[in-house]
Every structure is written in C-alpha cells, then in structure tokens.
Amino acid sequence: MVERWSVRGLWSAFAAVAVLSSVLVLRRPAFDRLADLQVYREAVRWAQAGHPLYEYAAANGDPFTYPPFAALVFWPFGWLPEPVVQVAWLCAVCAAVAGIAVVVSRRRDNGERRGLFAAATALVLILSAPVQSDLRFGQVSVFVVLLALVDALELLPPRWRGILIGVAAAVKLTPLLFVVYLVLIGRRRDAVRAMAAFVGAGLLAAVVLPADSWQFWTRTMLTTSRIGDLASLGNQSLNALLVRAGVDQQDRPLIWAGLVVVICGLALWQARRLAGQGHAVHAAVLVGCATIAASPVSWTHHQIWTVLAGMLLIASAAGGRWAFGVFLVVAMTLNLGNVAFELVPTPGLQYLFDNARGLGTVLVCCIGFGAVVRHRRSDPVPVARRVAVTRTAGLVVAGVLVFAVLPLPASSDPHLHMFSLDETRAEFSYTTVTCGADPCDMSWGGRLLLNYSIGSDGRRAVVNGWVSAQVARLGMRTAPGAPIHFVPIMDLGDGQRVFCFSGENLVYGQFLEYDANGRLLENPPRNLWK
C-alpha cells in the first residue's frame, strides 16, 4: 500500500513539474522560446518556399544542422500555426520522458518495484538539466533516446526490430553506434534492417530534396562551425574536454580519435557482456553513453543517457556504485561548475567541476555497471567486493587530490588575435557580431566597467565590447595563472571606447581592468563566461 501511494505521488510530482516547466517555457520571451524548434519550423518553411535548406539562418544566426531526412520529419510543422506546434511539441517531449522511464523499468533485470523505479526515473529525468534543456529549446534528443531504447530492448515484433534505430540515426547520426552493438550481440538481421532504414530514409530525402541532400552529405556534415562553439561548457563530449584542457588544435583530432576508439571499444565490450547476462537495459544505456562521449559535440540536451546510467547505478548496486550513481544524477541536475566557482581553490578543481558531466559519462563507458544485481540486505558483502570498493574510493580521492594541485594549461591559447582599428570598426558597424559570413550566437556580459558580447565561428570565440572611462588598460588571461595579454582599447568617436579580439579556448578567460594608476578595478578578476 505504501509503495502504491509512493508511485502515485512520484507520478503526480512528475506531472506537476512537466506542466510547470512547459508553462515557464511558453512564458519566455519570443526570441528565447523553443529556439531550436523555431529553427526546425522556419527552416522547413524556407525549404517549402524553394530555398536551399542549408542556407537558412534564424534571426540569431542558428542554421539547420540535421540531415535532410529530419526536415521531412518536421515538414508538417511548416503548415501549422506556431503556437500549435509549440504546445504539441512540449506535450510530446513530456510523454516521451514518461515513455523512457516506463521502457527502462519494464525491461529492468530486477523485477521488483518496477513501478516505483519508473516513477522515480520519470521525476529525475524531468528535473534533470538534459530534459529541461530539451523543453526549453525544443530539441529532438529525447525522441532519439526513446527510439533507440525501444529498439535495443526488443520491444518491437521481430520483423520490425532495427528499424527505429535506423530512423533515429537518419535524424541524428550518433545512434549508428547501436548498429555496431546489434552486430556484436548477434542481432545481425536487426543490424541489417537498421542500416536499410537509415539508407532508405536518406534516399527518400534525396528524392524529395536532392540538392540539399548532396549539400549535407558532401559539405555541411563536415562543417563543425555550424554546430556552435566547441569549447562551450554546455558541450560535454570527449572532444570538448580536450579543447578545454588546452590540447593543441593540430594534435587534438588524432588524440580524440584514439581515445574514442578505446572508450567506445570498452563500452561495446562491456555492453556485449551485459546483454549476454540478460542485462539488456544496462547494455543499451552503456552504448548510449558512448554516443555522448564519442560525438564531436554533445550538448546538454544530448546527455539523457547519463541520467539513466545514474538511475541504474542507484537501483542496481550498493556501496561505491550507488554513490557514483547519486553523483551522476546530481551532476546532471545541477551545474557543479557554477556551484563550485566561488568555493574551489584551484583551477584544476574548477576544471573537474566544470567537466563533471563529460568526465562522468566517460567513466561510465570505461568501468560499466559492475555487478548490476542488488544484493539483499541480509546477504553479507563479500570481502573481495569491500576491497574493490575501498580501492575505488582510494583512486577517486587520489584523483581529486591531483586535480587540487593541477593548474590549467597556461598555454591553452597563448596567441590571441587582437583586432586592428579597421577590423574593430567593421565589427561594430553591424547590429550583431559577425563571424565570417554568418551571424554569431550572442551572450552578454557585464554592464558597468565593461559591456561585452561573445560570438563564435565554431573554432574561435570573438569577443568585443565597450569599456567605461574608468578603465585605462584592459587585460585578458586565457586561464588562471596564464600570462596577461593586454587588449587594445580603441576610440570610435562619440565617446565609444571599444575592444575586439578572438581566441580558440576562452572558457577560463579572465578580464582584468586597470585604472590610470595601474590598480585592478575588480578583484578577483572577472571570469569571461561566469
């Protein structure tokens, strides 16, 4: 009876959070309301009018980045009023979240308390940063996860298995890793159907949108600058971890590719073992986590798999694995970097907190779920397991201590490009910052001593702004402890004192404003992104 009421209470809380979140999304300013969904709808309308799909750019500069088949999926949006599309989308996202929770609980390896696990998972998901990001921006990630899960867990009739993975990959390429997983666990016919569905969806798009299909598969797919600033903290892929660690741009692709092979290999090997032991849910979630780590860009809304991994760790094991699951759920709900910004004493620890989501996902891929069956409380914990937990805890503590004294690479971006007067004048001749031929995504900083904006061409951040008369010199550090680069302050007339520079990795950048006597006007220095 108590469990039944607990389940009802959790589902009621889920419904309340879902409704409240959706209402808050609809109350956001028009320019910031379901921005990605606006891109889908307007890009489709642009294509329906006969324009090239991948030449579309929203008012904020965002382009359409998905394969052309995704445009066919979104095609009806172009015929419907925007409010109808928005409300229907939010309802569909909330329903998909509930569906994911039910699917994961239906195929849980431990059949006890499935209803309670489903309700708790649904509530944690709707509160998590990935789903909140899906709701706010109107993203497709939650649907991709649901399609891949339903197919990977064999919830379809045998003749249809594999098709949903193929369709999901035709919308977003990362589920293609599940095809490799199907081959490894012996579901080769399903893998063939998945690839047939993927190729068939692409051919259908090529028939309807031939020029756009050619454009995407030959050029657009390889242009990472369309996706956004790779160094942004919202990107928690392995590639982004390397960027923020200051790995040289020339060496990074090779290092990233090697690590991806190792991490995906470990995840797939463990997923194969788990599937063979009857732990299909854990295997599927492990492969999903590998898609997050391996993708060049993994924004917050992509990271639903990591939340599911945390819930499975909490539900499946005690001791160290339970604690790791709690950490993952907390990290995927709170922004630990922001929480720790005023508390952590060293740059190394700040890096650890800022990248907790990505590092946690990589750790899941590498170590898997261990013993996934919960032991009864009356069962003694084997000595070997206690030793293993102790060793794991020791390694974690040692790792934290290393990061506590590890500085960020001072040379992560030693060569900032300071714009000339003519270049700066050209930047300020537009109402928005421009990067090449495309408008930049803008985020605004301080209002008093300096007012600045940050744009990105996908490789380098472009920073420009105004400084007050109090600021005599403006410095920039690319990371705490790095050398100070002094930014030229230029006079555009009418009292407009401006600056403009660019750099590849400015996530940990700090402004230093000095008065005419050389004294710091802000201490501690202002962090560029905080």
Protein backbone atom coordinates (compact mmCIF):
# COMPACT_ATOMS: atom_id res chain seq x y z
CA MET A 1 0.00 0.00 0.00
CA VAL A 2 2.82 2.41 0.94
CA GLU A 3 4.63 1.62 -2.29
CA ARG A 4 1.44 2.19 -4.32
CA TRP A 5 0.97 5.63 -2.79
CA SER A 6 4.65 6.39 -3.32
CA VAL A 7 4.29 5.58 -7.01
CA ARG A 8 1.22 7.78 -7.32
CA GLY A 9 2.97 10.60 -5.50
CA LEU A 10 6.03 10.42 -7.74
CA TRP A 11 3.93 10.39 -10.92
CA SER A 12 1.91 13.33 -9.60
CA ALA A 13 5.13 15.22 -8.91
CA PHE A 14 6.33 14.37 -12.42
CA ALA A 15 3.11 15.70 -13.93
CA ALA A 16 3.32 18.88 -11.85
CA VAL A 17 6.94 19.55 -12.86
CA ALA A 18 6.15 18.79 -16.51
CA VAL A 19 3.22 21.23 -16.58
CA LEU A 20 5.10 23.93 -14.69
CA SER A 21 8.19 23.58 -16.89
CA SER A 22 6.09 23.76 -20.06
CA VAL A 23 4.24 26.84 -18.85
CA LEU A 24 7.51 28.56 -17.97
CA VAL A 25 8.88 27.72 -21.42
CA LEU A 26 5.82 29.27 -23.10
CA ARG A 27 6.20 32.38 -20.92
CA ARG A 28 9.76 33.02 -22.09
CA PRO A 29 10.38 35.96 -24.47
CA ALA A 30 9.55 35.11 -28.06
CA PHE A 31 13.19 35.20 -29.21
CA ASP A 32 14.18 32.70 -26.47
CA ARG A 33 11.14 30.41 -26.58
CA LEU A 34 11.80 26.96 -28.06
CA ALA A 35 14.56 28.47 -30.19
CA ASP A 36 15.63 25.19 -31.82
CA LEU A 37 12.04 24.26 -32.61
CA GLN A 38 11.70 27.65 -34.27
CA VAL A 39 14.73 26.76 -36.39
CA TYR A 40 13.14 23.44 -37.43
CA ARG A 41 9.84 25.08 -38.35
CA GLU A 42 11.25 28.11 -40.12
CA ALA A 43 13.87 26.08 -41.97
CA VAL A 44 11.13 23.80 -43.28
CA ARG A 45 9.06 26.81 -44.36
CA TRP A 46 12.18 28.19 -46.05
CA ALA A 47 12.66 24.91 -47.94
CA GLN A 48 8.95 24.73 -48.81
CA ALA A 49 9.35 28.14 -50.44
CA GLY A 50 12.01 26.66 -52.72
CA HIS A 51 15.14 27.94 -50.97
CA PRO A 52 18.21 25.77 -50.19
CA LEU A 53 17.66 24.21 -46.77
CA TYR A 54 21.20 24.68 -45.51
CA GLU A 55 21.31 28.34 -46.45
CA TYR A 56 18.64 29.09 -43.87
CA ALA A 57 19.70 31.08 -40.80
CA ALA A 58 17.45 32.15 -37.92
CA ALA A 59 17.40 35.69 -36.58
CA ASN A 60 20.09 34.73 -34.05
CA GLY A 61 22.21 33.11 -36.77
CA ASP A 62 21.39 29.48 -35.96
CA PRO A 63 21.30 27.26 -39.09
CA PHE A 64 19.58 23.93 -39.73
CA THR A 65 22.19 21.28 -38.81
CA TYR A 66 20.39 17.93 -39.09
CA PRO A 67 20.34 15.51 -42.04
CA PRO A 68 17.77 16.27 -44.76
CA PHE A 69 15.53 13.40 -43.62
CA ALA A 70 14.95 15.33 -40.40
CA ALA A 71 13.50 18.15 -42.48
CA LEU A 72 10.97 15.67 -43.91
CA VAL A 73 10.04 14.60 -40.37
CA PHE A 74 9.50 18.27 -39.46
CA TRP A 75 7.76 19.04 -42.77
CA PRO A 76 4.20 19.27 -41.33
CA PHE A 77 5.38 21.98 -38.93
CA GLY A 78 5.53 24.37 -41.84
CA TRP A 79 1.77 24.07 -42.37
CA LEU A 80 0.72 24.56 -38.73
CA PRO A 81 0.49 27.75 -36.64
CA GLU A 82 3.50 28.26 -34.38
CA PRO A 83 1.53 28.13 -31.06
CA VAL A 84 0.03 24.77 -32.05
CA VAL A 85 3.47 23.38 -32.89
CA GLN A 86 4.92 24.64 -29.61
CA VAL A 87 2.21 23.19 -27.35
CA ALA A 88 2.14 19.89 -29.22
CA TRP A 89 5.92 19.62 -29.02
CA LEU A 90 6.06 20.23 -25.28
CA CYS A 91 3.36 17.63 -24.69
CA ALA A 92 5.22 15.15 -26.87
CA VAL A 93 8.51 15.73 -25.02
CA CYS A 94 6.85 15.13 -21.62
CA ALA A 95 5.15 12.00 -22.93
CA ALA A 96 8.46 10.74 -24.35
CA VAL A 97 10.15 11.26 -20.97
CA ALA A 98 7.45 9.17 -19.29
CA GLY A 99 7.83 6.59 -22.06
CA ILE A 100 11.58 6.31 -21.49
CA ALA A 101 11.04 5.75 -17.76
CA VAL A 102 8.42 3.05 -18.36
CA VAL A 103 10.52 1.31 -21.03
CA VAL A 104 13.60 1.21 -18.81
CA SER A 105 11.59 -0.16 -15.88
CA ARG A 106 9.75 -2.76 -17.99
CA ARG A 107 12.98 -4.38 -19.00
CA ARG A 108 14.79 -3.92 -15.72
CA ASP A 109 16.72 -7.00 -14.79
CA ASN A 110 15.43 -6.91 -11.22
CA GLY A 111 11.67 -7.25 -11.49
CA GLU A 112 10.97 -5.91 -8.02
CA ARG A 113 9.44 -2.47 -7.61
CA ARG A 114 9.28 -1.68 -11.31
CA GLY A 115 6.50 0.83 -10.85
CA LEU A 116 8.45 2.71 -8.20
CA PHE A 117 11.58 2.75 -10.35
CA ALA A 118 9.64 4.02 -13.37
CA ALA A 119 8.03 6.85 -11.42
CA ALA A 120 11.29 7.86 -9.75
CA THR A 121 13.14 7.78 -13.08
CA ALA A 122 10.48 9.92 -14.74
CA LEU A 123 10.69 12.52 -11.97
CA VAL A 124 14.50 12.60 -12.02
CA LEU A 125 14.50 12.91 -15.81
CA ILE A 126 12.03 15.81 -15.91
CA LEU A 127 14.09 17.64 -13.26
CA SER A 128 17.43 16.96 -14.95
CA ALA A 129 19.33 19.51 -17.00
CA PRO A 130 19.14 17.47 -20.25
CA VAL A 131 15.33 17.23 -20.27
CA GLN A 132 14.92 20.82 -19.08
CA SER A 133 17.19 21.82 -21.96
CA ASP A 134 15.09 19.73 -24.34
CA LEU A 135 11.98 21.52 -23.13
CA ARG A 136 13.47 25.00 -23.21
CA PHE A 137 14.99 24.75 -26.68
CA GLY A 138 12.53 22.33 -28.27
CA GLN A 139 15.11 19.67 -29.06
CA VAL A 140 14.74 16.19 -30.59
CA SER A 141 17.16 14.32 -28.32
CA VAL A 142 14.52 12.80 -26.05
CA PHE A 143 12.79 11.19 -29.05
CA VAL A 144 16.08 9.80 -30.37
CA VAL A 145 16.75 8.18 -26.97
CA LEU A 146 13.25 6.68 -26.84
CA LEU A 147 13.51 5.20 -30.37
CA ALA A 148 16.92 3.68 -29.69
CA LEU A 149 15.81 2.23 -26.34
CA VAL A 150 12.62 0.63 -27.67
CA ASP A 151 14.57 -1.00 -30.48
CA ALA A 152 17.60 -2.05 -28.46
CA LEU A 153 15.38 -3.67 -25.82
CA GLU A 154 13.50 -5.73 -28.44
CA LEU A 155 10.09 -4.28 -27.63
CA LEU A 156 9.05 -4.44 -31.28
CA PRO A 157 7.86 -7.51 -33.19
CA PRO A 158 10.88 -9.41 -34.59
CA ARG A 159 10.29 -8.35 -38.20
CA TRP A 160 10.45 -4.64 -37.25
CA ARG A 161 13.47 -4.71 -34.96
CA GLY A 162 16.30 -2.43 -36.02
CA ILE A 163 14.11 -0.04 -37.98
CA LEU A 164 13.68 2.52 -35.20
CA ILE A 165 17.45 2.71 -34.67
CA GLY A 166 17.87 3.36 -38.39
CA VAL A 167 15.23 6.08 -38.34
CA ALA A 168 16.76 7.68 -35.24
CA ALA A 169 20.17 7.69 -36.94
CA ALA A 170 18.66 9.29 -40.04
CA VAL A 171 17.55 12.19 -37.82
CA LYS A 172 20.68 12.33 -35.65
CA LEU A 173 23.75 10.33 -36.70
CA THR A 174 25.01 9.19 -33.27
CA PRO A 175 22.61 6.18 -32.89
CA LEU A 176 24.63 4.46 -35.64
CA LEU A 177 26.79 3.11 -32.80
CA PHE A 178 23.83 0.93 -31.85
CA VAL A 179 24.18 -0.85 -35.20
CA VAL A 180 27.65 -2.00 -34.15
CA TYR A 181 26.17 -3.11 -30.82
CA LEU A 182 23.50 -5.17 -32.60
CA VAL A 183 26.19 -6.94 -34.63
CA LEU A 184 28.27 -7.68 -31.54
CA ILE A 185 25.37 -9.28 -29.62
CA GLY A 186 24.36 -11.45 -32.57
CA ARG A 187 21.33 -9.47 -33.77
CA ARG A 188 22.75 -9.24 -37.28
CA ARG A 189 19.39 -9.20 -39.07
CA ASP A 190 18.31 -6.31 -36.87
CA ALA A 191 21.55 -4.51 -37.73
CA VAL A 192 20.86 -5.02 -41.44
CA ARG A 193 17.32 -3.66 -41.04
CA ALA A 194 18.71 -0.68 -39.12
CA MET A 195 21.16 0.16 -41.90
CA ALA A 196 18.45 -0.41 -44.52
CA ALA A 197 16.15 2.01 -42.68
CA PHE A 198 18.97 4.56 -42.37
CA VAL A 199 19.91 4.34 -46.04
CA GLY A 200 16.26 4.24 -47.12
CA ALA A 201 15.49 7.41 -45.15
CA GLY A 202 18.47 9.10 -46.77
CA LEU A 203 17.36 8.02 -50.25
CA LEU A 204 13.82 9.27 -49.59
CA ALA A 205 15.26 12.63 -48.59
CA ALA A 206 17.46 12.60 -51.70
CA VAL A 207 14.39 12.12 -53.90
CA VAL A 208 12.43 14.93 -52.23
CA LEU A 209 15.39 17.26 -51.54
CA PRO A 210 18.17 16.22 -53.95
CA ALA A 211 20.27 19.40 -53.85
CA ASP A 212 20.01 19.69 -50.07
CA SER A 213 20.95 16.04 -49.62
CA TRP A 214 24.05 16.47 -51.76
CA GLN A 215 24.95 19.62 -49.83
CA PHE A 216 24.62 17.89 -46.46
CA TRP A 217 26.48 14.65 -47.16
CA THR A 218 29.34 16.29 -49.06
CA ARG A 219 29.86 19.54 -47.16
CA THR A 220 27.53 20.51 -44.32
CA MET A 221 28.06 17.34 -42.27
CA LEU A 222 31.79 18.11 -42.06
CA THR A 223 31.37 21.78 -41.09
CA THR A 224 31.51 21.77 -37.29
CA SER A 225 31.35 25.58 -37.16
CA ARG A 226 27.60 25.33 -37.82
CA ILE A 227 27.10 23.46 -34.54
CA GLY A 228 28.43 26.13 -32.19
CA ASP A 229 31.43 26.91 -30.01
CA LEU A 230 33.11 23.57 -29.26
CA ALA A 231 34.71 24.97 -26.10
CA SER A 232 31.38 25.98 -24.56
CA LEU A 233 30.75 24.30 -21.21
CA GLY A 234 27.41 23.05 -22.49
CA ASN A 235 29.37 20.73 -24.78
CA GLN A 236 30.46 17.78 -22.61
CA SER A 237 31.84 15.46 -25.28
CA LEU A 238 35.33 14.00 -25.04
CA ASN A 239 36.37 16.38 -27.80
CA ALA A 240 35.25 19.34 -25.69
CA LEU A 241 37.12 18.02 -22.63
CA LEU A 242 40.30 18.02 -24.71
CA VAL A 243 39.62 21.52 -26.02
CA ARG A 244 39.13 22.90 -22.52
CA ALA A 245 42.22 21.02 -21.28
CA GLY A 246 44.26 23.04 -23.77
CA VAL A 247 45.25 20.19 -26.11
CA ASP A 248 46.82 21.71 -29.20
CA GLN A 249 44.45 22.05 -32.15
CA GLN A 250 46.79 20.20 -34.50
CA ASP A 251 47.25 17.23 -32.19
CA ARG A 252 43.69 17.06 -30.89
CA PRO A 253 41.99 15.20 -33.78
CA LEU A 254 44.41 12.27 -33.56
CA ILE A 255 44.28 12.13 -29.76
CA TRP A 256 40.49 12.41 -29.80
CA ALA A 257 40.11 9.65 -32.41
CA GLY A 258 42.37 7.31 -30.45
CA LEU A 259 40.51 7.90 -27.20
CA VAL A 260 37.14 7.47 -28.93
CA VAL A 261 38.21 4.07 -30.26
CA VAL A 262 39.33 2.97 -26.78
CA ILE A 263 36.28 4.33 -24.93
CA CYS A 264 33.73 3.03 -27.43
CA GLY A 265 35.57 -0.30 -27.55
CA LEU A 266 35.36 -0.65 -23.77
CA ALA A 267 31.70 0.37 -23.71
CA LEU A 268 30.72 -2.03 -26.51
CA TRP A 269 32.70 -4.91 -24.98
CA GLN A 270 31.00 -4.44 -21.63
CA ALA A 271 27.60 -3.94 -23.28
CA ARG A 272 28.03 -7.24 -25.11
CA ARG A 273 28.85 -8.96 -21.82
CA LEU A 274 25.89 -7.37 -20.05
CA ALA A 275 23.49 -8.32 -22.84
CA GLY A 276 24.75 -11.90 -22.69
CA GLN A 277 23.99 -11.96 -18.96
CA GLY A 278 20.43 -10.74 -19.54
CA HIS A 279 21.04 -7.11 -18.53
CA ALA A 280 19.67 -5.56 -21.71
CA VAL A 281 18.79 -2.18 -20.18
CA HIS A 282 22.26 -1.64 -18.77
CA ALA A 283 23.82 -2.64 -22.08
CA ALA A 284 21.68 -0.21 -24.08
CA VAL A 285 22.31 2.69 -21.69
CA LEU A 286 26.05 1.99 -21.79
CA VAL A 287 26.05 2.23 -25.59
CA GLY A 288 24.01 5.43 -25.34
CA CYS A 289 26.63 6.92 -23.00
CA ALA A 290 29.31 6.00 -25.54
CA THR A 291 27.47 8.02 -28.21
CA ILE A 292 27.67 11.07 -25.92
CA ALA A 293 31.38 10.65 -25.28
CA ALA A 294 32.26 9.90 -28.90
CA SER A 295 30.26 12.61 -30.64
CA PRO A 296 32.34 15.69 -31.53
CA VAL A 297 29.61 17.80 -29.92
CA SER A 298 27.37 16.66 -27.06
CA TRP A 299 25.20 19.49 -25.80
CA THR A 300 23.29 19.28 -22.54
CA HIS A 301 20.11 18.00 -24.18
CA HIS A 302 22.05 15.03 -25.62
CA GLN A 303 23.03 13.76 -22.18
CA ILE A 304 19.84 11.92 -21.18
CA TRP A 305 21.74 8.63 -21.33
CA THR A 306 23.97 9.75 -18.45
CA VAL A 307 20.92 10.42 -16.25
CA LEU A 308 19.65 6.90 -16.99
CA ALA A 309 23.07 5.48 -16.13
CA GLY A 310 22.92 7.25 -12.78
CA MET A 311 19.47 5.83 -12.01
CA LEU A 312 20.55 2.30 -12.93
CA LEU A 313 23.62 2.59 -10.70
CA ILE A 314 21.46 3.76 -7.81
CA ALA A 315 18.96 0.95 -8.33
CA SER A 316 21.36 -1.87 -9.07
CA ALA A 317 24.18 -1.77 -6.56
CA ALA A 318 25.26 -0.60 -3.14
CA GLY A 319 28.45 0.99 -1.91
CA GLY A 320 30.66 2.80 -4.37
CA ARG A 321 28.41 2.25 -7.40
CA TRP A 322 25.40 3.67 -5.56
CA ALA A 323 27.43 6.74 -4.60
CA PHE A 324 28.63 7.15 -8.19
CA GLY A 325 25.02 6.97 -9.38
CA VAL A 326 23.99 9.68 -6.92
CA PHE A 327 26.90 11.83 -8.12
CA LEU A 328 25.83 11.41 -11.75
CA VAL A 329 22.22 12.34 -11.02
CA VAL A 330 23.30 15.39 -9.01
CA ALA A 331 25.80 16.45 -11.69
CA MET A 332 23.13 16.09 -14.38
CA THR A 333 20.67 18.18 -12.37
CA LEU A 334 22.90 20.94 -11.00
CA ASN A 335 25.66 22.85 -12.75
CA LEU A 336 28.53 21.86 -10.48
CA GLY A 337 30.87 24.32 -12.16
CA ASN A 338 28.67 27.24 -11.18
CA VAL A 339 28.12 25.83 -7.70
CA ALA A 340 31.85 25.43 -7.11
CA PHE A 341 33.04 28.61 -8.84
CA GLU A 342 33.26 30.62 -5.63
CA LEU A 343 34.36 27.69 -3.47
CA VAL A 344 37.13 25.71 -5.19
CA PRO A 345 40.64 27.00 -4.55
CA THR A 346 42.47 25.92 -7.72
CA PRO A 347 41.95 25.96 -11.50
CA GLY A 348 42.38 22.19 -11.66
CA LEU A 349 39.43 21.55 -9.37
CA GLN A 350 37.39 24.12 -11.29
CA TYR A 351 38.12 22.13 -14.46
CA LEU A 352 36.99 18.96 -12.69
CA PHE A 353 33.67 20.51 -11.65
CA ASP A 354 33.07 22.28 -14.98
CA ASN A 355 33.53 18.98 -16.83
CA ALA A 356 31.88 16.68 -14.29
CA ARG A 357 29.17 15.59 -16.73
CA GLY A 358 31.56 14.68 -19.50
CA LEU A 359 34.06 13.00 -17.18
CA GLY A 360 31.24 11.06 -15.51
CA THR A 361 30.00 9.82 -18.88
CA VAL A 362 33.49 8.73 -19.92
CA LEU A 363 33.90 6.92 -16.58
CA VAL A 364 30.62 5.04 -17.12
CA CYS A 365 31.85 3.95 -20.56
CA CYS A 366 35.16 2.73 -19.14
CA ILE A 367 34.06 0.92 -15.99
CA GLY A 368 30.47 -0.02 -16.86
CA PHE A 369 27.99 -1.01 -14.17
CA GLY A 370 29.92 -3.74 -12.36
CA ALA A 371 27.64 -6.16 -10.52
CA VAL A 372 24.22 -4.92 -11.58
CA VAL A 373 22.01 -7.07 -9.34
CA ARG A 374 21.16 -5.58 -5.95
CA HIS A 375 22.03 -7.87 -3.07
CA ARG A 376 19.57 -8.41 -0.28
CA ARG A 377 20.34 -6.54 2.90
CA SER A 378 20.75 -9.82 4.77
CA ASP A 379 23.41 -11.03 2.36
CA PRO A 380 26.96 -10.47 3.59
CA VAL A 381 29.08 -8.29 1.35
CA PRO A 382 31.97 -10.38 0.06
CA VAL A 383 35.41 -9.37 1.29
CA ALA A 384 36.64 -9.01 -2.30
CA ARG A 385 33.88 -6.51 -3.02
CA ARG A 386 34.72 -4.47 0.07
CA VAL A 387 38.34 -4.40 -1.04
CA ALA A 388 37.30 -3.33 -4.53
CA VAL A 389 35.11 -0.52 -3.16
CA THR A 390 37.95 0.63 -0.91
CA ARG A 391 40.41 0.66 -3.79
CA THR A 392 37.96 2.55 -5.99
CA ALA A 393 37.37 5.14 -3.29
CA GLY A 394 41.13 5.49 -2.87
CA LEU A 395 41.63 6.08 -6.57
CA VAL A 396 38.86 8.70 -6.61
CA VAL A 397 40.38 10.53 -3.64
CA ALA A 398 43.82 10.39 -5.26
CA GLY A 399 42.42 11.77 -8.50
CA VAL A 400 40.73 14.66 -6.70
CA LEU A 401 43.97 15.45 -4.84
CA VAL A 402 45.85 15.54 -8.14
CA PHE A 403 43.33 17.96 -9.62
CA ALA A 404 43.53 20.03 -6.44
CA VAL A 405 47.11 20.99 -7.27
CA LEU A 406 46.96 20.74 -11.07
CA PRO A 407 46.85 24.12 -12.82
CA LEU A 408 45.04 24.63 -16.08
CA PRO A 409 47.40 24.75 -19.06
CA ALA A 410 48.70 28.31 -19.13
CA SER A 411 49.38 27.93 -22.85
CA SER A 412 45.88 26.74 -23.77
CA ASP A 413 45.57 29.74 -26.09
CA PRO A 414 48.80 31.76 -25.99
CA HIS A 415 48.17 33.64 -29.24
CA LEU A 416 45.08 35.80 -29.02
CA HIS A 417 44.29 37.78 -32.13
CA MET A 418 43.82 41.46 -31.34
CA PHE A 419 41.70 43.19 -33.97
CA SER A 420 43.02 46.28 -35.71
CA LEU A 421 41.10 49.57 -35.73
CA ASP A 422 39.66 48.85 -39.17
CA GLU A 423 38.67 45.31 -38.19
CA THR A 424 37.09 46.58 -34.99
CA ARG A 425 35.24 49.32 -36.83
CA ALA A 426 33.89 46.71 -39.23
CA GLU A 427 32.70 44.53 -36.32
CA PHE A 428 30.85 47.43 -34.72
CA SER A 429 29.24 48.50 -37.99
CA TYR A 430 26.73 45.67 -37.58
CA THR A 431 23.97 45.31 -35.03
CA THR A 432 25.23 41.81 -34.22
CA VAL A 433 28.73 40.42 -34.08
CA THR A 434 29.59 38.58 -37.29
CA CYS A 435 31.94 35.62 -37.69
CA GLY A 436 32.83 35.22 -41.33
CA ALA A 437 29.61 35.34 -43.31
CA ASP A 438 27.31 34.13 -40.56
CA PRO A 439 25.88 35.95 -37.53
CA CYS A 440 27.21 34.74 -34.19
CA ASP A 441 25.35 33.32 -31.27
CA MET A 442 25.50 36.10 -28.65
CA SER A 443 25.82 36.01 -24.88
CA TRP A 444 26.09 39.23 -22.94
CA GLY A 445 28.38 40.05 -20.05
CA GLY A 446 28.94 42.89 -17.53
CA ARG A 447 27.12 46.23 -17.51
CA LEU A 448 29.35 48.61 -15.53
CA LEU A 449 33.08 48.72 -16.18
CA LEU A 450 32.71 46.90 -19.49
CA ASN A 451 29.89 45.56 -21.59
CA TYR A 452 30.87 42.74 -23.94
CA SER A 453 29.48 40.08 -26.23
CA ILE A 454 30.85 36.67 -27.19
CA GLY A 455 30.35 35.15 -30.61
CA SER A 456 31.76 32.00 -32.16
CA ASP A 457 32.54 30.66 -35.60
CA GLY A 458 32.79 27.13 -34.14
CA ARG A 459 36.58 27.26 -33.83
CA ARG A 460 37.42 30.63 -32.28
CA ALA A 461 35.49 32.85 -29.91
CA VAL A 462 35.12 36.50 -30.93
CA VAL A 463 34.82 38.95 -28.03
CA ASN A 464 34.01 42.62 -28.45
CA GLY A 465 32.54 45.33 -26.27
CA TRP A 466 32.68 48.78 -24.73
CA VAL A 467 34.67 49.95 -21.70
CA SER A 468 33.87 52.80 -19.35
CA ALA A 469 36.08 55.85 -18.86
CA GLN A 470 37.31 54.31 -15.59
CA VAL A 471 39.20 51.58 -17.46
CA ALA A 472 42.63 52.78 -18.59
CA ARG A 473 44.02 49.34 -19.57
CA LEU A 474 42.24 46.07 -20.27
CA GLY A 475 43.97 42.73 -19.74
CA MET A 476 42.94 39.19 -20.63
CA ARG A 477 44.18 35.88 -19.20
CA THR A 478 43.20 32.74 -21.11
CA ALA A 479 43.34 30.76 -17.84
CA PRO A 480 44.21 31.45 -14.20
CA GLY A 481 47.99 31.68 -13.96
CA ALA A 482 48.44 32.34 -17.68
CA PRO A 483 50.33 35.41 -18.93
CA ILE A 484 48.33 38.63 -19.22
CA HIS A 485 47.57 39.80 -22.76
CA PHE A 486 46.70 43.48 -22.95
CA VAL A 487 43.76 44.25 -25.24
CA PRO A 488 43.93 47.49 -27.25
CA ILE A 489 41.17 49.96 -26.39
CA MET A 490 40.16 51.98 -29.45
CA ASP A 491 38.16 55.18 -29.79
CA LEU A 492 35.42 55.09 -32.43
CA GLY A 493 34.34 58.64 -31.64
CA ASP A 494 31.41 59.99 -29.65
CA GLY A 495 32.95 58.55 -26.51
CA GLN A 496 32.79 54.95 -27.79
CA ARG A 497 35.83 53.19 -26.30
CA VAL A 498 35.74 49.66 -27.71
CA PHE A 499 37.83 46.50 -28.00
CA CYS A 500 37.75 43.34 -30.10
CA PHE A 501 39.81 40.14 -30.05
CA SER A 502 39.45 36.42 -30.75
CA GLY A 503 40.84 33.19 -29.32
CA GLU A 504 40.35 29.44 -29.62
CA ASN A 505 39.82 28.50 -25.98
CA LEU A 506 38.45 31.23 -23.73
CA VAL A 507 36.28 29.16 -21.40
CA TYR A 508 38.53 30.07 -18.48
CA GLY A 509 39.34 33.55 -19.73
CA GLN A 510 39.54 36.39 -17.21
CA PHE A 511 39.21 40.15 -17.73
CA LEU A 512 41.50 42.43 -15.73
CA GLU A 513 40.50 46.10 -15.70
CA TYR A 514 43.10 48.65 -14.55
CA ASP A 515 42.67 52.31 -13.72
CA ALA A 516 45.11 55.06 -14.72
CA ASN A 517 47.28 54.28 -11.68
CA GLY A 518 47.62 50.61 -12.64
CA ARG A 519 45.31 49.33 -9.90
CA LEU A 520 42.87 46.49 -10.51
CA LEU A 521 39.30 47.79 -10.60
CA GLU A 522 37.85 44.30 -9.93
CA ASN A 523 39.46 41.80 -7.62
CA PRO A 524 39.15 38.85 -8.09
CA PRO A 525 39.26 39.24 -11.87
CA ARG A 526 36.03 38.87 -13.80
CA ASN A 527 35.65 35.44 -15.44
CA LEU A 528 34.64 35.83 -19.09
CA TRP A 529 31.93 33.16 -19.03
CA LYS A 530 30.57 33.34 -15.48
